[in-house]
Protein backbone atom coordinates (compact mmCIF):
# COMPACT_ATOMS: atom_id res chain seq x y z
CA MET A 1 -1.34 40.59 20.38
CA LYS A 2 0.46 39.41 17.26
CA ASN A 3 1.81 36.32 19.11
CA PHE A 4 -1.69 35.57 20.42
CA LYS A 5 -3.06 35.60 16.85
CA LEU A 6 -0.29 33.29 15.71
CA ILE A 7 -0.88 30.86 18.59
CA PHE A 8 -4.64 31.03 18.05
CA ALA A 9 -4.26 30.37 14.29
CA ALA A 10 -1.86 27.46 14.95
CA THR A 11 -4.33 26.00 17.46
CA ILE A 12 -7.20 26.23 14.96
CA ILE A 13 -5.08 24.53 12.28
CA ALA A 14 -4.06 21.78 14.71
CA LEU A 15 -7.67 21.20 15.75
CA THR A 16 -8.97 21.03 12.20
CA ALA A 17 -6.11 19.02 10.67
CA PRO A 18 -6.39 15.23 10.58
CA SER A 19 -5.15 13.88 13.85
CA ALA A 20 -3.82 10.50 14.91
CA LEU A 21 -6.64 10.58 17.44
CA PHE A 22 -9.18 10.45 14.61
CA ALA A 23 -7.18 8.38 12.12
CA ASN A 24 -8.49 5.17 10.65
CA PRO A 25 -7.26 1.99 12.30
CA MET A 26 -4.54 0.04 10.52
CA VAL A 27 -5.88 -3.05 8.74
CA GLY A 28 -3.66 -5.92 7.69
CA GLY A 29 -0.56 -3.88 8.41
CA ALA A 30 -1.64 -1.10 6.06
CA GLU A 31 -2.87 2.40 6.60
CA MET A 32 -6.47 2.87 5.48
CA PHE A 33 -7.15 6.27 3.93
CA PRO A 34 -10.62 7.80 4.31
CA THR A 35 -10.04 9.57 0.97
CA LYS A 36 -9.76 6.25 -0.88
CA ASN A 37 -12.60 3.92 -1.78
CA ILE A 38 -13.23 0.42 -0.43
CA VAL A 39 -11.27 -1.40 -3.13
CA GLU A 40 -8.35 1.03 -3.13
CA ASN A 41 -7.88 0.45 0.60
CA ALA A 42 -8.65 -3.29 0.69
CA VAL A 43 -5.93 -4.15 -1.83
CA ASN A 44 -3.33 -2.87 0.65
CA SER A 45 -4.45 -5.08 3.55
CA ALA A 46 -2.33 -8.22 3.91
CA ASN A 47 -5.26 -9.74 5.84
CA HIS A 48 -7.74 -9.36 2.97
CA THR A 49 -6.01 -10.87 -0.08
CA THR A 50 -8.61 -13.66 -0.32
CA LEU A 51 -11.47 -11.15 -0.14
CA VAL A 52 -9.86 -9.00 -2.83
CA ALA A 53 -9.36 -12.06 -5.08
CA ALA A 54 -13.01 -13.03 -4.53
CA VAL A 55 -14.25 -9.51 -5.31
CA LYS A 56 -12.25 -9.58 -8.56
CA ALA A 57 -13.51 -13.07 -9.48
CA ALA A 58 -17.11 -11.99 -8.84
CA GLY A 59 -16.71 -8.87 -10.99
CA LEU A 60 -17.57 -6.54 -8.11
CA VAL A 61 -14.53 -4.23 -8.27
CA GLU A 62 -16.28 -1.43 -10.19
CA THR A 63 -19.34 -1.65 -7.95
CA LEU A 64 -17.30 -1.33 -4.75
CA MET A 65 -15.32 1.54 -6.28
CA GLY A 66 -18.62 3.34 -6.98
CA ASP A 67 -20.18 6.18 -5.06
CA GLY A 68 -21.95 4.03 -2.48
CA PRO A 69 -22.51 4.50 0.32
CA PHE A 70 -21.54 0.97 1.31
CA THR A 71 -20.96 -0.75 4.60
CA VAL A 72 -18.77 -3.79 4.01
CA PHE A 73 -18.35 -6.52 6.60
CA ALA A 74 -14.92 -7.69 5.42
CA PRO A 75 -13.86 -11.25 6.33
CA THR A 76 -10.14 -11.78 6.86
CA ASN A 77 -8.00 -14.40 5.14
CA ALA A 78 -8.26 -16.47 8.35
CA ALA A 79 -12.06 -16.30 8.10
CA PHE A 80 -11.97 -17.69 4.57
CA ALA A 81 -9.40 -20.33 5.63
CA ALA A 82 -11.83 -21.53 8.32
CA LEU A 83 -14.34 -22.60 5.66
CA PRO A 84 -14.31 -26.31 4.77
CA ALA A 85 -11.27 -27.38 2.72
CA GLY A 86 -11.59 -26.52 -0.96
CA THR A 87 -14.49 -24.08 -0.50
CA VAL A 88 -12.60 -20.93 -1.51
CA GLU A 89 -10.95 -22.61 -4.50
CA THR A 90 -14.34 -23.91 -5.66
CA LEU A 91 -16.02 -20.51 -5.25
CA LEU A 92 -13.30 -18.78 -7.27
CA LYS A 93 -14.01 -20.95 -10.34
CA PRO A 94 -15.83 -19.09 -13.16
CA GLU A 95 -18.73 -21.55 -13.11
CA ASN A 96 -19.44 -20.57 -9.47
CA LYS A 97 -19.47 -16.80 -10.04
CA ALA A 98 -23.19 -16.47 -9.18
CA THR A 99 -22.74 -18.21 -5.82
CA LEU A 100 -19.60 -16.20 -5.04
CA THR A 101 -21.39 -12.96 -5.94
CA LYS A 102 -24.31 -13.89 -3.66
CA ILE A 103 -21.97 -14.59 -0.74
CA LEU A 104 -19.98 -11.38 -1.23
CA THR A 105 -23.01 -9.13 -1.68
CA CYS A 106 -24.39 -10.56 1.55
CA HIS A 107 -21.46 -8.79 3.23
CA VAL A 108 -22.54 -5.39 1.86
CA VAL A 109 -25.19 -2.99 3.10
CA SER A 110 -26.31 -0.01 1.05
CA ALA A 111 -25.59 2.56 3.78
CA ASN A 112 -22.72 4.18 5.62
CA ALA A 113 -23.26 2.50 9.00
CA MET A 114 -20.57 3.27 11.54
CA SER A 115 -20.49 1.05 14.64
CA ASP A 116 -22.28 3.60 16.85
CA ALA A 117 -25.21 3.58 14.38
CA ILE A 118 -25.29 -0.23 14.38
CA VAL A 119 -25.23 -0.31 18.20
CA LYS A 120 -28.07 2.22 18.28
CA MET A 121 -30.16 0.13 15.86
CA VAL A 122 -29.55 -2.97 17.98
CA MET A 123 -30.55 -1.14 21.17
CA ASP A 124 -33.58 0.50 19.51
CA ASP A 125 -34.74 -2.97 18.41
CA GLY A 126 -34.51 -4.43 21.90
CA GLY A 127 -31.12 -6.12 21.64
CA LYS A 128 -31.18 -7.61 18.13
CA HIS A 129 -31.37 -5.91 14.75
CA THR A 130 -31.98 -7.40 11.31
CA ILE A 131 -29.41 -6.30 8.75
CA LYS A 132 -30.64 -6.42 5.16
CA THR A 133 -27.85 -6.72 2.62
CA VAL A 134 -27.62 -5.85 -1.07
CA GLY A 135 -27.37 -9.59 -1.73
CA GLY A 136 -30.86 -10.12 -0.32
CA CYS A 137 -29.70 -11.68 2.96
CA ALA A 138 -31.20 -10.83 6.33
CA PHE A 139 -28.69 -11.32 9.13
CA THR A 140 -29.13 -10.64 12.84
CA ALA A 141 -26.81 -8.28 14.74
CA TRP A 142 -26.38 -7.89 18.49
CA VAL A 143 -23.85 -6.36 20.86
CA LYS A 144 -22.24 -8.13 23.78
CA ASP A 145 -19.39 -6.72 25.87
CA GLY A 146 -18.96 -3.94 23.32
CA VAL A 147 -18.49 -6.32 20.37
CA ILE A 148 -20.88 -6.34 17.42
CA SER A 149 -21.76 -9.87 16.34
CA ILE A 150 -23.68 -10.93 13.25
CA GLU A 151 -25.45 -14.24 12.73
CA ASP A 152 -25.83 -15.48 9.17
CA GLY A 153 -28.65 -17.51 7.64
CA ASN A 154 -27.10 -20.79 8.76
CA GLY A 155 -26.42 -19.92 12.40
CA GLY A 156 -22.76 -18.98 11.83
CA VAL A 157 -21.54 -15.97 13.80
CA ALA A 158 -19.01 -13.31 12.80
CA ASN A 159 -17.61 -10.76 15.23
CA VAL A 160 -16.46 -7.29 14.26
CA THR A 161 -12.75 -7.21 15.14
CA ILE A 162 -11.92 -3.80 13.66
CA ALA A 163 -14.77 -1.31 13.36
CA ASP A 164 -15.22 2.01 11.63
CA VAL A 165 -12.60 1.97 8.89
CA ALA A 166 -13.83 5.05 7.01
CA GLN A 167 -13.73 5.02 3.20
CA SER A 168 -14.58 7.69 0.65
CA ASN A 169 -17.63 5.63 -0.32
CA GLY A 170 -18.62 4.13 3.02
CA VAL A 171 -17.12 2.09 5.83
CA ILE A 172 -15.46 -1.27 6.38
CA HIS A 173 -15.91 -3.39 9.50
CA VAL A 174 -13.41 -6.27 9.64
CA ILE A 175 -15.02 -9.57 10.71
CA ASP A 176 -13.61 -12.90 11.83
CA ALA A 177 -15.90 -15.25 9.87
CA VAL A 178 -17.50 -15.47 6.44
CA LEU A 179 -21.24 -14.79 6.53
CA LEU A 180 -23.08 -17.36 4.45
CA PRO A 181 -26.56 -16.99 3.01
CA LYS A 182 -29.05 -19.78 3.43
CA MET A 183 -28.74 -21.64 0.13
């Protein structure tokens, strides 16, 4: 009976301990910790150095380290590089802080929306769902072949390439394009 109790206790510990099965996906070659906030994790992703620089330039670090909850659609460096030549450099200038802030806050939703919740909203709305961001943008989401896509105010489309990266103050979904508000 003593061995049974030990095996039972070990099984309970194994089932309740964090498991690789439930671990966050790696992002930009770095482990993402659900106990850290959005900024603390993003700074470790080699694929998000441009986003991190933009967040710093816009003065949004403290906000994204706050309690949230936030859902961040996080464009990769390649997504920023796909913008017209000189766009990122221009946006990072102090005189363009308001425009940069608008663009970045249009990638943030004031909720903790995991991908299954987004898919449910899309399905509940008949195949397309309007996402309202903290930056005042209204983007359209849909799901095709299991991939969540988001259309911005100019007809540009970003696809979620890594979903459900849990954070202590929300969730990150990595996207392959920068969402731009209608200016």
